[in-house]
Amino acid sequence: MKPDLKSFVEAMCKKDNKKAKEALEVINRGLDLNDDFWKGYRLALHGMIAALETGDELTVIRRVIIGGYARQDIQDLLNQANARLSNAFRPKDEQGFNTAWVDVLQIFSQIV
């Protein structure tokens, strides 16, 4: 079962790294980290937080959150991640990584 990422995404949108980390800790408790899929999923979420903390304006997640991408650009990112998911040859951890991006972008699209 996929974790509920809404509070995580909402905290990132508010640029509240502390709340995003707290939400991520709750999410982490529900993941089976013996499964490579969930390891990749977790890695993507942690990477998003790390990218926000750096303050680098060029990171994808930061550009999504601060409005550096138009709605169509975000949809294109979502389509690209979904396309990668459809490749059966992708390892499980990469599938988890891309699934996390799809989940976050979908929630973000609903919020804004």
Foldseek 3Di string as FASTA:
>chain_A
DQDDCLQLLVCVLVVNLVSNVVVLVVRVVPFDVVFLLSVLLNVLSVVLSVVSVVVPCPDPSNCLSVVVDDLVRLVVLLVVLVVVLVPPPDDNSSNSNSVNSNVSSVSSSVVD
